[in-house]
Amino acid sequence: MKYINKHFTNTLEIKQSKFIAHLVPFIEYENILHELKTEHPKARHFVTAFRYFNEYNQIVEYSSDDGEPKGTSGKPSLMVLQGQGMINSAVIIVRYFGGTKLGTGGLVRAYSDAVNLVLDLADLIEYREEISIKISFTYANIRKVEYLCDNTRVDIINKTFENNTIFEIKGSKIDIEELLNKLDRVVSVYP
């Protein structure tokens, strides 16, 4: 699976109709949709589709045709996101009608092509499920643990200094296992 961490846009023009596709991180979806509606008051349609993980690690999907004929815009856009394995991402396609009707097949192709164009432009990041654990170690090993966390893409979320030092760390399961292997005799997993 893949995701993005910034806003990408690309435009497709077919028979004087403009399809301006915006690929955005899901957490920014609502704000950007509102901004686009303000920026483009004369646009005919704001077709949307998104996929994200909820708190139970389930994929939630949604699409809207926003006045286009049923099934000709939102669903094809969502299917492109599914096909590319996109997660925690949303697409908003702003459409300006050019005066020539495209028909249902033409609309499906236009919206799918618009989403594919913006995906081709985007910097896609490989998604990795993250976990968090607490590790305990002596104060003398702080620099070594911090250095190895940086080099294994593990984030330190919280630091507690008691008899031993306790770090709450977060990263992909693979990266955390790699870190624990490198720190085999230095750290123990905190209960």
N, C-alpha and C. Protein backbone atom coordinates (compact mmCIF):
# COMPACT_ATOMS: atom_id res chain seq x y z
N MET A 1 0.83 -1.19 0.00
CA MET A 1 0.00 0.00 0.00
C MET A 1 0.87 1.24 0.00
N LYS A 2 0.30 2.33 -0.51
CA LYS A 2 1.03 3.58 -0.62
C LYS A 2 0.17 4.74 -0.11
N TYR A 3 0.85 5.84 0.24
CA TYR A 3 0.15 7.05 0.66
C TYR A 3 0.96 8.26 0.22
N ILE A 4 0.41 9.42 0.44
CA ILE A 4 1.11 10.67 0.13
C ILE A 4 1.14 11.53 1.39
N ASN A 5 2.07 12.49 1.43
CA ASN A 5 2.12 13.37 2.59
C ASN A 5 2.03 14.84 2.20
N LYS A 6 1.71 15.13 0.93
CA LYS A 6 1.48 16.51 0.51
C LYS A 6 0.50 16.55 -0.66
N HIS A 7 0.07 17.73 -1.01
CA HIS A 7 -0.97 17.98 -2.01
C HIS A 7 -0.36 17.97 -3.42
N PHE A 8 -0.98 17.22 -4.33
CA PHE A 8 -0.57 17.18 -5.74
C PHE A 8 -1.77 17.52 -6.60
N THR A 9 -1.52 18.17 -7.74
CA THR A 9 -2.63 18.51 -8.64
C THR A 9 -2.19 18.37 -10.09
N ASN A 10 -3.16 18.02 -10.96
CA ASN A 10 -2.91 17.92 -12.39
C ASN A 10 -4.24 18.15 -13.10
N THR A 11 -4.19 18.64 -14.33
CA THR A 11 -5.40 18.99 -15.07
C THR A 11 -5.50 18.19 -16.36
N LEU A 12 -6.71 17.72 -16.64
CA LEU A 12 -7.02 17.01 -17.87
C LEU A 12 -8.11 17.81 -18.59
N GLU A 13 -7.94 18.04 -19.90
CA GLU A 13 -8.95 18.76 -20.67
C GLU A 13 -9.47 17.86 -21.79
N ILE A 14 -10.80 17.69 -21.83
CA ILE A 14 -11.45 16.86 -22.84
C ILE A 14 -12.66 17.63 -23.36
N LYS A 15 -12.68 17.91 -24.67
CA LYS A 15 -13.80 18.62 -25.32
C LYS A 15 -14.21 19.87 -24.54
N GLN A 16 -13.26 20.70 -24.23
CA GLN A 16 -13.40 21.95 -23.52
C GLN A 16 -13.83 21.80 -22.05
N SER A 17 -14.02 20.59 -21.56
CA SER A 17 -14.28 20.37 -20.14
C SER A 17 -12.95 20.20 -19.43
N LYS A 18 -12.81 20.86 -18.27
CA LYS A 18 -11.58 20.76 -17.48
C LYS A 18 -11.84 19.87 -16.27
N PHE A 19 -10.92 18.93 -16.04
CA PHE A 19 -10.96 18.06 -14.87
C PHE A 19 -9.69 18.34 -14.08
N ILE A 20 -9.79 19.08 -12.99
CA ILE A 20 -8.63 19.44 -12.17
C ILE A 20 -8.59 18.48 -10.98
N ALA A 21 -7.66 17.54 -11.02
CA ALA A 21 -7.57 16.52 -9.97
C ALA A 21 -6.59 16.95 -8.88
N HIS A 22 -7.04 16.83 -7.64
CA HIS A 22 -6.23 17.16 -6.46
C HIS A 22 -6.10 15.89 -5.62
N LEU A 23 -4.88 15.42 -5.44
CA LEU A 23 -4.60 14.26 -4.59
C LEU A 23 -4.04 14.80 -3.28
N VAL A 24 -4.72 14.50 -2.17
CA VAL A 24 -4.37 15.10 -0.88
C VAL A 24 -4.31 14.03 0.22
N PRO A 25 -3.51 14.28 1.28
CA PRO A 25 -3.55 13.38 2.44
C PRO A 25 -4.96 13.42 3.04
N PHE A 26 -5.45 12.29 3.50
CA PHE A 26 -6.83 12.23 4.00
C PHE A 26 -7.09 13.23 5.13
N ILE A 27 -6.12 13.45 6.01
CA ILE A 27 -6.34 14.35 7.14
C ILE A 27 -6.59 15.80 6.68
N GLU A 28 -6.19 16.15 5.46
CA GLU A 28 -6.41 17.51 4.94
C GLU A 28 -7.63 17.60 4.01
N TYR A 29 -8.30 16.47 3.78
CA TYR A 29 -9.38 16.38 2.80
C TYR A 29 -10.49 17.43 3.01
N GLU A 30 -11.06 17.50 4.20
CA GLU A 30 -12.18 18.41 4.46
C GLU A 30 -11.79 19.87 4.21
N ASN A 31 -10.64 20.28 4.72
CA ASN A 31 -10.19 21.67 4.56
C ASN A 31 -9.94 22.01 3.10
N ILE A 32 -9.29 21.12 2.37
CA ILE A 32 -8.97 21.40 0.97
C ILE A 32 -10.24 21.41 0.13
N LEU A 33 -11.19 20.52 0.40
CA LEU A 33 -12.46 20.53 -0.32
C LEU A 33 -13.16 21.87 -0.12
N HIS A 34 -13.18 22.35 1.09
CA HIS A 34 -13.80 23.66 1.39
C HIS A 34 -13.07 24.79 0.64
N GLU A 35 -11.73 24.76 0.66
CA GLU A 35 -10.93 25.77 -0.04
C GLU A 35 -11.21 25.75 -1.55
N LEU A 36 -11.28 24.53 -2.12
CA LEU A 36 -11.52 24.41 -3.56
C LEU A 36 -12.89 24.93 -3.95
N LYS A 37 -13.88 24.70 -3.13
CA LYS A 37 -15.23 25.21 -3.42
C LYS A 37 -15.26 26.73 -3.38
N THR A 38 -14.44 27.32 -2.52
CA THR A 38 -14.32 28.77 -2.44
C THR A 38 -13.54 29.30 -3.64
N GLU A 39 -12.44 28.62 -4.00
CA GLU A 39 -11.58 29.02 -5.11
C GLU A 39 -12.24 28.89 -6.48
N HIS A 40 -13.13 27.92 -6.63
CA HIS A 40 -13.75 27.60 -7.92
C HIS A 40 -15.28 27.71 -7.85
N PRO A 41 -15.80 28.93 -7.64
CA PRO A 41 -17.26 29.06 -7.48
C PRO A 41 -18.05 28.72 -8.75
N LYS A 42 -17.41 28.76 -9.91
CA LYS A 42 -18.11 28.48 -11.16
C LYS A 42 -17.96 27.03 -11.62
N ALA A 43 -17.25 26.22 -10.87
CA ALA A 43 -17.09 24.81 -11.23
C ALA A 43 -18.44 24.11 -11.08
N ARG A 44 -18.69 23.13 -11.96
CA ARG A 44 -19.96 22.41 -11.97
C ARG A 44 -20.02 21.31 -10.92
N HIS A 45 -18.91 20.57 -10.77
CA HIS A 45 -18.90 19.39 -9.90
C HIS A 45 -17.60 19.32 -9.09
N PHE A 46 -17.72 18.76 -7.88
CA PHE A 46 -16.57 18.48 -7.03
C PHE A 46 -16.67 17.00 -6.65
N VAL A 47 -16.15 16.15 -7.52
CA VAL A 47 -16.22 14.70 -7.35
C VAL A 47 -15.13 14.28 -6.37
N THR A 48 -15.47 13.40 -5.42
CA THR A 48 -14.51 13.01 -4.40
C THR A 48 -14.46 11.49 -4.22
N ALA A 49 -13.31 11.02 -3.75
CA ALA A 49 -13.13 9.62 -3.36
C ALA A 49 -11.99 9.57 -2.35
N PHE A 50 -12.12 8.71 -1.35
CA PHE A 50 -11.02 8.55 -0.40
C PHE A 50 -11.01 7.15 0.20
N ARG A 51 -9.82 6.80 0.73
CA ARG A 51 -9.59 5.54 1.45
C ARG A 51 -8.68 5.86 2.63
N TYR A 52 -9.05 5.34 3.80
CA TYR A 52 -8.19 5.54 4.97
C TYR A 52 -8.39 4.41 5.97
N PHE A 53 -7.42 4.27 6.89
CA PHE A 53 -7.53 3.31 7.99
C PHE A 53 -8.24 3.98 9.15
N ASN A 54 -9.24 3.30 9.74
CA ASN A 54 -9.87 3.82 10.94
C ASN A 54 -9.11 3.33 12.17
N GLU A 55 -9.63 3.63 13.36
CA GLU A 55 -8.91 3.28 14.59
C GLU A 55 -8.83 1.77 14.82
N TYR A 56 -9.63 0.98 14.10
CA TYR A 56 -9.58 -0.48 14.23
C TYR A 56 -8.75 -1.12 13.11
N ASN A 57 -8.01 -0.29 12.40
CA ASN A 57 -7.16 -0.74 11.30
C ASN A 57 -7.96 -1.36 10.15
N GLN A 58 -9.17 -0.85 9.95
CA GLN A 58 -10.01 -1.28 8.84
C GLN A 58 -9.98 -0.18 7.78
N ILE A 59 -10.06 -0.59 6.51
CA ILE A 59 -10.07 0.40 5.43
C ILE A 59 -11.49 0.94 5.26
N VAL A 60 -11.62 2.26 5.32
CA VAL A 60 -12.89 2.94 5.09
C VAL A 60 -12.79 3.61 3.72
N GLU A 61 -13.81 3.41 2.88
CA GLU A 61 -13.81 3.98 1.53
C GLU A 61 -15.10 4.77 1.32
N TYR A 62 -15.00 5.82 0.48
CA TYR A 62 -16.17 6.63 0.17
C TYR A 62 -15.94 7.30 -1.18
N SER A 63 -17.03 7.50 -1.92
CA SER A 63 -16.94 8.27 -3.15
C SER A 63 -18.25 9.02 -3.37
N SER A 64 -18.16 10.15 -4.07
CA SER A 64 -19.34 10.97 -4.36
C SER A 64 -19.29 11.43 -5.81
N ASP A 65 -20.43 11.29 -6.51
CA ASP A 65 -20.54 11.75 -7.89
C ASP A 65 -20.85 13.25 -7.98
N ASP A 66 -21.30 13.85 -6.90
CA ASP A 66 -21.63 15.28 -6.82
C ASP A 66 -22.41 15.78 -8.04
N GLY A 67 -23.50 15.12 -8.35
CA GLY A 67 -24.38 15.59 -9.42
C GLY A 67 -24.10 15.00 -10.80
N GLU A 68 -22.97 14.33 -10.98
CA GLU A 68 -22.71 13.64 -12.25
C GLU A 68 -23.62 12.41 -12.28
N PRO A 69 -23.88 11.85 -13.46
CA PRO A 69 -24.71 10.63 -13.51
C PRO A 69 -24.14 9.54 -12.60
N LYS A 70 -25.03 8.85 -11.90
CA LYS A 70 -24.66 7.85 -10.90
C LYS A 70 -23.64 6.84 -11.44
N GLY A 71 -22.55 6.69 -10.68
CA GLY A 71 -21.53 5.69 -11.00
C GLY A 71 -20.54 6.08 -12.09
N THR A 72 -20.59 7.33 -12.56
CA THR A 72 -19.71 7.71 -13.67
C THR A 72 -18.46 8.47 -13.23
N SER A 73 -18.39 8.85 -11.96
CA SER A 73 -17.26 9.70 -11.56
C SER A 73 -16.63 9.30 -10.23
N GLY A 74 -17.42 9.29 -9.16
CA GLY A 74 -16.86 8.96 -7.84
C GLY A 74 -16.34 7.53 -7.76
N LYS A 75 -17.15 6.58 -8.21
CA LYS A 75 -16.77 5.16 -8.15
C LYS A 75 -15.54 4.87 -9.03
N PRO A 76 -15.49 5.35 -10.27
CA PRO A 76 -14.27 5.13 -11.07
C PRO A 76 -13.02 5.75 -10.42
N SER A 77 -13.18 6.91 -9.79
CA SER A 77 -12.05 7.56 -9.10
C SER A 77 -11.59 6.70 -7.94
N LEU A 78 -12.55 6.18 -7.17
CA LEU A 78 -12.22 5.30 -6.05
C LEU A 78 -11.54 4.02 -6.54
N MET A 79 -12.01 3.49 -7.65
CA MET A 79 -11.41 2.26 -8.19
C MET A 79 -9.94 2.48 -8.60
N VAL A 80 -9.60 3.66 -9.08
CA VAL A 80 -8.20 3.96 -9.40
C VAL A 80 -7.38 3.97 -8.11
N LEU A 81 -7.91 4.60 -7.05
CA LEU A 81 -7.20 4.61 -5.76
C LEU A 81 -7.00 3.18 -5.25
N GLN A 82 -8.04 2.35 -5.38
CA GLN A 82 -7.93 0.95 -4.96
C GLN A 82 -6.87 0.21 -5.78
N GLY A 83 -6.92 0.41 -7.09
CA GLY A 83 -5.99 -0.27 -8.00
C GLY A 83 -4.53 0.09 -7.74
N GLN A 84 -4.29 1.32 -7.31
CA GLN A 84 -2.93 1.76 -7.01
C GLN A 84 -2.53 1.43 -5.57
N GLY A 85 -3.47 0.87 -4.80
CA GLY A 85 -3.17 0.52 -3.41
C GLY A 85 -2.99 1.73 -2.53
N MET A 86 -3.72 2.81 -2.82
CA MET A 86 -3.59 4.05 -2.04
C MET A 86 -4.36 3.91 -0.73
N ILE A 87 -3.79 4.49 0.35
CA ILE A 87 -4.44 4.49 1.65
C ILE A 87 -4.18 5.84 2.31
N ASN A 88 -5.06 6.24 3.21
CA ASN A 88 -4.96 7.53 3.91
C ASN A 88 -4.80 8.68 2.92
N SER A 89 -5.51 8.56 1.79
CA SER A 89 -5.42 9.54 0.71
C SER A 89 -6.81 9.83 0.16
N ALA A 90 -6.96 11.03 -0.40
CA ALA A 90 -8.23 11.43 -1.00
C ALA A 90 -7.95 12.11 -2.33
N VAL A 91 -8.94 12.03 -3.23
CA VAL A 91 -8.84 12.74 -4.49
C VAL A 91 -10.10 13.59 -4.64
N ILE A 92 -9.90 14.82 -5.09
CA ILE A 92 -11.00 15.75 -5.37
C ILE A 92 -10.82 16.20 -6.80
N ILE A 93 -11.82 15.98 -7.65
CA ILE A 93 -11.73 16.41 -9.04
C ILE A 93 -12.72 17.55 -9.25
N VAL A 94 -12.19 18.72 -9.57
CA VAL A 94 -13.00 19.90 -9.86
C VAL A 94 -13.30 19.89 -11.35
N ARG A 95 -14.60 19.92 -11.71
CA ARG A 95 -14.94 19.87 -13.13
C ARG A 95 -15.61 21.15 -13.58
N TYR A 96 -15.05 21.70 -14.65
CA TYR A 96 -15.69 22.81 -15.37
C TYR A 96 -16.27 22.22 -16.65
N PHE A 97 -17.57 22.37 -16.85
CA PHE A 97 -18.25 21.83 -18.02
C PHE A 97 -17.94 22.68 -19.24
N GLY A 98 -17.55 22.03 -20.34
CA GLY A 98 -17.14 22.75 -21.54
C GLY A 98 -18.23 22.89 -22.59
N GLY A 99 -19.43 22.38 -22.31
CA GLY A 99 -20.52 22.55 -23.26
C GLY A 99 -20.84 21.31 -24.07
N THR A 100 -19.92 20.34 -24.12
CA THR A 100 -20.15 19.11 -24.88
C THR A 100 -20.32 17.95 -23.90
N LYS A 101 -21.45 17.25 -24.00
CA LYS A 101 -21.67 16.10 -23.12
C LYS A 101 -20.76 14.96 -23.54
N LEU A 102 -20.18 14.28 -22.55
CA LEU A 102 -19.22 13.22 -22.82
C LEU A 102 -19.86 11.83 -22.80
N GLY A 103 -21.06 11.71 -22.30
CA GLY A 103 -21.70 10.40 -22.17
C GLY A 103 -21.15 9.66 -20.96
N THR A 104 -21.84 8.60 -20.57
CA THR A 104 -21.41 7.89 -19.35
C THR A 104 -20.01 7.28 -19.51
N GLY A 105 -19.75 6.63 -20.63
CA GLY A 105 -18.43 6.04 -20.86
C GLY A 105 -17.34 7.10 -20.90
N GLY A 106 -17.64 8.22 -21.52
CA GLY A 106 -16.67 9.32 -21.60
C GLY A 106 -16.36 9.91 -20.23
N LEU A 107 -17.39 10.00 -19.37
CA LEU A 107 -17.17 10.51 -18.01
C LEU A 107 -16.32 9.55 -17.19
N VAL A 108 -16.63 8.26 -17.29
CA VAL A 108 -15.84 7.25 -16.56
C VAL A 108 -14.37 7.35 -16.96
N ARG A 109 -14.10 7.40 -18.26
CA ARG A 109 -12.71 7.51 -18.75
C ARG A 109 -12.06 8.81 -18.29
N ALA A 110 -12.80 9.92 -18.39
CA ALA A 110 -12.24 11.22 -18.04
C ALA A 110 -11.85 11.28 -16.56
N TYR A 111 -12.74 10.85 -15.68
CA TYR A 111 -12.42 10.89 -14.25
C TYR A 111 -11.30 9.91 -13.90
N SER A 112 -11.34 8.72 -14.47
CA SER A 112 -10.27 7.74 -14.21
C SER A 112 -8.93 8.27 -14.71
N ASP A 113 -8.93 8.85 -15.90
CA ASP A 113 -7.68 9.41 -16.46
C ASP A 113 -7.16 10.57 -15.62
N ALA A 114 -8.06 11.41 -15.13
CA ALA A 114 -7.65 12.56 -14.30
C ALA A 114 -6.96 12.08 -13.02
N VAL A 115 -7.53 11.05 -12.39
CA VAL A 115 -6.93 10.51 -11.16
C VAL A 115 -5.59 9.85 -11.48
N ASN A 116 -5.52 9.09 -12.58
CA ASN A 116 -4.25 8.46 -12.96
C ASN A 116 -3.18 9.50 -13.26
N LEU A 117 -3.55 10.62 -13.89
CA LEU A 117 -2.58 11.68 -14.18
C LEU A 117 -1.98 12.26 -12.91
N VAL A 118 -2.82 12.54 -11.93
CA VAL A 118 -2.30 13.14 -10.69
C VAL A 118 -1.49 12.10 -9.90
N LEU A 119 -1.87 10.82 -9.97
CA LEU A 119 -1.08 9.78 -9.30
C LEU A 119 0.30 9.62 -9.94
N ASP A 120 0.36 9.76 -11.27
CA ASP A 120 1.66 9.68 -11.96
C ASP A 120 2.60 10.79 -11.52
N LEU A 121 2.03 11.92 -11.17
CA LEU A 121 2.80 13.09 -10.76
C LEU A 121 3.25 13.00 -9.29
N ALA A 122 2.48 12.28 -8.47
CA ALA A 122 2.68 12.26 -7.02
C ALA A 122 3.90 11.46 -6.59
N ASP A 123 4.45 11.87 -5.44
CA ASP A 123 5.52 11.12 -4.79
C ASP A 123 4.85 10.14 -3.82
N LEU A 124 4.77 8.88 -4.21
CA LEU A 124 4.10 7.88 -3.39
C LEU A 124 5.07 7.29 -2.37
N ILE A 125 4.57 7.12 -1.15
CA ILE A 125 5.38 6.59 -0.05
C ILE A 125 4.81 5.22 0.33
N GLU A 126 5.70 4.26 0.53
CA GLU A 126 5.26 2.91 0.93
C GLU A 126 4.70 2.95 2.34
N TYR A 127 3.49 2.43 2.51
CA TYR A 127 2.84 2.42 3.83
C TYR A 127 3.33 1.24 4.64
N ARG A 128 3.65 1.49 5.89
CA ARG A 128 4.03 0.43 6.82
C ARG A 128 3.22 0.61 8.09
N GLU A 129 2.62 -0.47 8.55
CA GLU A 129 1.86 -0.41 9.80
C GLU A 129 2.83 -0.15 10.94
N GLU A 130 2.49 0.81 11.80
CA GLU A 130 3.37 1.16 12.89
C GLU A 130 2.86 0.63 14.22
N ILE A 131 3.80 0.31 15.09
CA ILE A 131 3.47 -0.11 16.45
C ILE A 131 4.28 0.76 17.40
N SER A 132 3.90 0.78 18.67
CA SER A 132 4.71 1.50 19.66
C SER A 132 4.93 0.60 20.87
N ILE A 133 6.14 0.68 21.41
CA ILE A 133 6.51 -0.09 22.59
C ILE A 133 7.37 0.80 23.49
N LYS A 134 7.59 0.32 24.72
CA LYS A 134 8.49 1.02 25.64
C LYS A 134 9.71 0.13 25.86
N ILE A 135 10.88 0.78 25.86
CA ILE A 135 12.12 0.06 26.13
C ILE A 135 12.81 0.69 27.33
N SER A 136 13.52 -0.12 28.06
CA SER A 136 14.21 0.33 29.26
C SER A 136 15.71 0.04 29.12
N PHE A 137 16.55 0.96 29.61
CA PHE A 137 18.00 0.78 29.53
C PHE A 137 18.67 1.74 30.50
N THR A 138 19.95 1.55 30.70
CA THR A 138 20.69 2.41 31.64
C THR A 138 20.94 3.78 31.01
N TYR A 139 21.09 4.75 31.86
CA TYR A 139 21.31 6.13 31.44
C TYR A 139 22.55 6.25 30.54
N ALA A 140 23.56 5.42 30.78
CA ALA A 140 24.82 5.47 30.01
C ALA A 140 24.62 5.14 28.53
N ASN A 141 23.51 4.50 28.17
CA ASN A 141 23.28 4.08 26.78
C ASN A 141 22.34 5.01 25.99
N ILE A 142 22.02 6.16 26.53
CA ILE A 142 21.07 7.07 25.86
C ILE A 142 21.54 7.45 24.46
N ARG A 143 22.78 7.88 24.33
CA ARG A 143 23.27 8.31 23.01
C ARG A 143 23.23 7.19 21.99
N LYS A 144 23.61 6.00 22.40
CA LYS A 144 23.61 4.85 21.50
C LYS A 144 22.18 4.54 21.03
N VAL A 145 21.22 4.55 21.96
CA VAL A 145 19.83 4.25 21.62
C VAL A 145 19.27 5.34 20.68
N GLU A 146 19.52 6.61 21.00
CA GLU A 146 19.03 7.70 20.14
C GLU A 146 19.63 7.61 18.73
N TYR A 147 20.93 7.33 18.67
CA TYR A 147 21.61 7.20 17.37
C TYR A 147 21.00 6.07 16.54
N LEU A 148 20.80 4.92 17.14
CA LEU A 148 20.24 3.78 16.41
C LEU A 148 18.77 4.00 16.04
N CYS A 149 18.03 4.71 16.87
CA CYS A 149 16.64 5.04 16.51
C CYS A 149 16.61 5.87 15.24
N ASP A 150 17.49 6.86 15.16
CA ASP A 150 17.56 7.70 13.95
C ASP A 150 17.91 6.88 12.72
N ASN A 151 18.81 5.92 12.86
CA ASN A 151 19.29 5.15 11.71
C ASN A 151 18.37 3.99 11.31
N THR A 152 17.36 3.70 12.12
CA THR A 152 16.44 2.62 11.78
C THR A 152 15.01 3.15 11.57
N ARG A 153 14.86 4.44 11.40
CA ARG A 153 13.55 5.09 11.17
C ARG A 153 12.54 4.77 12.27
N VAL A 154 13.02 4.76 13.52
CA VAL A 154 12.15 4.58 14.67
C VAL A 154 12.07 5.92 15.39
N ASP A 155 10.85 6.36 15.68
CA ASP A 155 10.66 7.65 16.35
C ASP A 155 10.58 7.45 17.86
N ILE A 156 11.20 8.39 18.58
CA ILE A 156 11.10 8.39 20.04
C ILE A 156 9.94 9.33 20.38
N ILE A 157 8.90 8.76 20.99
CA ILE A 157 7.69 9.53 21.29
C ILE A 157 7.79 10.19 22.65
N ASN A 158 8.35 9.46 23.61
CA ASN A 158 8.39 9.97 24.98
C ASN A 158 9.64 9.43 25.68
N LYS A 159 10.19 10.27 26.58
CA LYS A 159 11.36 9.86 27.35
C LYS A 159 11.04 10.03 28.84
N THR A 160 11.33 9.00 29.64
CA THR A 160 11.13 9.05 31.08
C THR A 160 12.44 8.65 31.74
N PHE A 161 12.83 9.44 32.74
CA PHE A 161 14.09 9.16 33.43
C PHE A 161 13.77 8.79 34.87
N GLU A 162 13.93 7.50 35.21
CA GLU A 162 13.73 7.01 36.57
C GLU A 162 15.02 6.32 36.98
N ASN A 163 14.94 5.16 37.64
CA ASN A 163 16.15 4.39 37.93
C ASN A 163 16.84 4.01 36.63
N ASN A 164 16.05 3.62 35.67
CA ASN A 164 16.50 3.37 34.30
C ASN A 164 15.84 4.39 33.39
N THR A 165 16.35 4.51 32.19
CA THR A 165 15.74 5.38 31.20
C THR A 165 14.70 4.57 30.45
N ILE A 166 13.51 5.18 30.23
CA ILE A 166 12.44 4.50 29.50
C ILE A 166 12.06 5.37 28.32
N PHE A 167 12.16 4.81 27.12
CA PHE A 167 11.74 5.50 25.90
C PHE A 167 10.50 4.80 25.35
N GLU A 168 9.51 5.57 24.98
CA GLU A 168 8.40 5.03 24.19
C GLU A 168 8.77 5.28 22.74
N ILE A 169 8.82 4.21 21.95
CA ILE A 169 9.24 4.33 20.55
C ILE A 169 8.13 3.86 19.62
N LYS A 170 8.16 4.39 18.40
CA LYS A 170 7.13 4.06 17.41
C LYS A 170 7.79 3.90 16.05
N GLY A 171 7.38 2.86 15.33
CA GLY A 171 7.90 2.61 14.01
C GLY A 171 7.27 1.37 13.43
N SER A 172 7.69 0.99 12.23
CA SER A 172 7.16 -0.24 11.64
C SER A 172 7.69 -1.42 12.44
N LYS A 173 6.94 -2.51 12.41
CA LYS A 173 7.33 -3.71 13.15
C LYS A 173 8.73 -4.16 12.74
N ILE A 174 9.03 -4.10 11.45
CA ILE A 174 10.33 -4.51 10.92
C ILE A 174 11.44 -3.62 11.48
N ASP A 175 11.21 -2.29 11.47
CA ASP A 175 12.23 -1.36 11.97
C ASP A 175 12.47 -1.52 13.47
N ILE A 176 11.40 -1.75 14.23
CA ILE A 176 11.55 -1.94 15.68
C ILE A 176 12.30 -3.24 15.97
N GLU A 177 11.98 -4.31 15.23
CA GLU A 177 12.70 -5.57 15.42
C GLU A 177 14.19 -5.40 15.10
N GLU A 178 14.48 -4.64 14.03
CA GLU A 178 15.88 -4.38 13.66
C GLU A 178 16.59 -3.62 14.78
N LEU A 179 15.92 -2.61 15.34
CA LEU A 179 16.50 -1.83 16.44
C LEU A 179 16.76 -2.73 17.65
N LEU A 180 15.79 -3.55 18.02
CA LEU A 180 15.95 -4.41 19.20
C LEU A 180 17.07 -5.43 18.99
N ASN A 181 17.25 -5.91 17.77
CA ASN A 181 18.37 -6.82 17.48
C ASN A 181 19.71 -6.13 17.66
N LYS A 182 19.80 -4.88 17.21
CA LYS A 182 21.06 -4.13 17.35
C LYS A 182 21.35 -3.78 18.80
N LEU A 183 20.30 -3.64 19.60
CA LEU A 183 20.46 -3.27 21.01
C LEU A 183 20.20 -4.46 21.93
N ASP A 184 20.48 -5.66 21.45
CA ASP A 184 20.13 -6.92 22.11
C ASP A 184 20.42 -6.91 23.60
N ARG A 185 21.62 -6.60 24.00
CA ARG A 185 22.00 -6.69 25.43
C ARG A 185 21.91 -5.34 26.15
N VAL A 186 21.53 -4.32 25.44
CA VAL A 186 21.51 -2.97 26.01
C VAL A 186 20.13 -2.61 26.56
N VAL A 187 19.05 -3.03 25.86
CA VAL A 187 17.70 -2.66 26.25
C VAL A 187 16.85 -3.88 26.58
N SER A 188 15.81 -3.62 27.32
CA SER A 188 14.78 -4.65 27.52
C SER A 188 13.44 -3.98 27.24
N VAL A 189 12.50 -4.79 26.76
CA VAL A 189 11.16 -4.25 26.46
C VAL A 189 10.47 -4.04 27.79
N TYR A 190 9.96 -2.83 27.99
CA TYR A 190 9.33 -2.43 29.24
C TYR A 190 7.88 -2.92 29.25
N PRO A 191 7.43 -3.48 30.36
CA PRO A 191 6.04 -3.99 30.39
C PRO A 191 5.00 -2.90 30.29
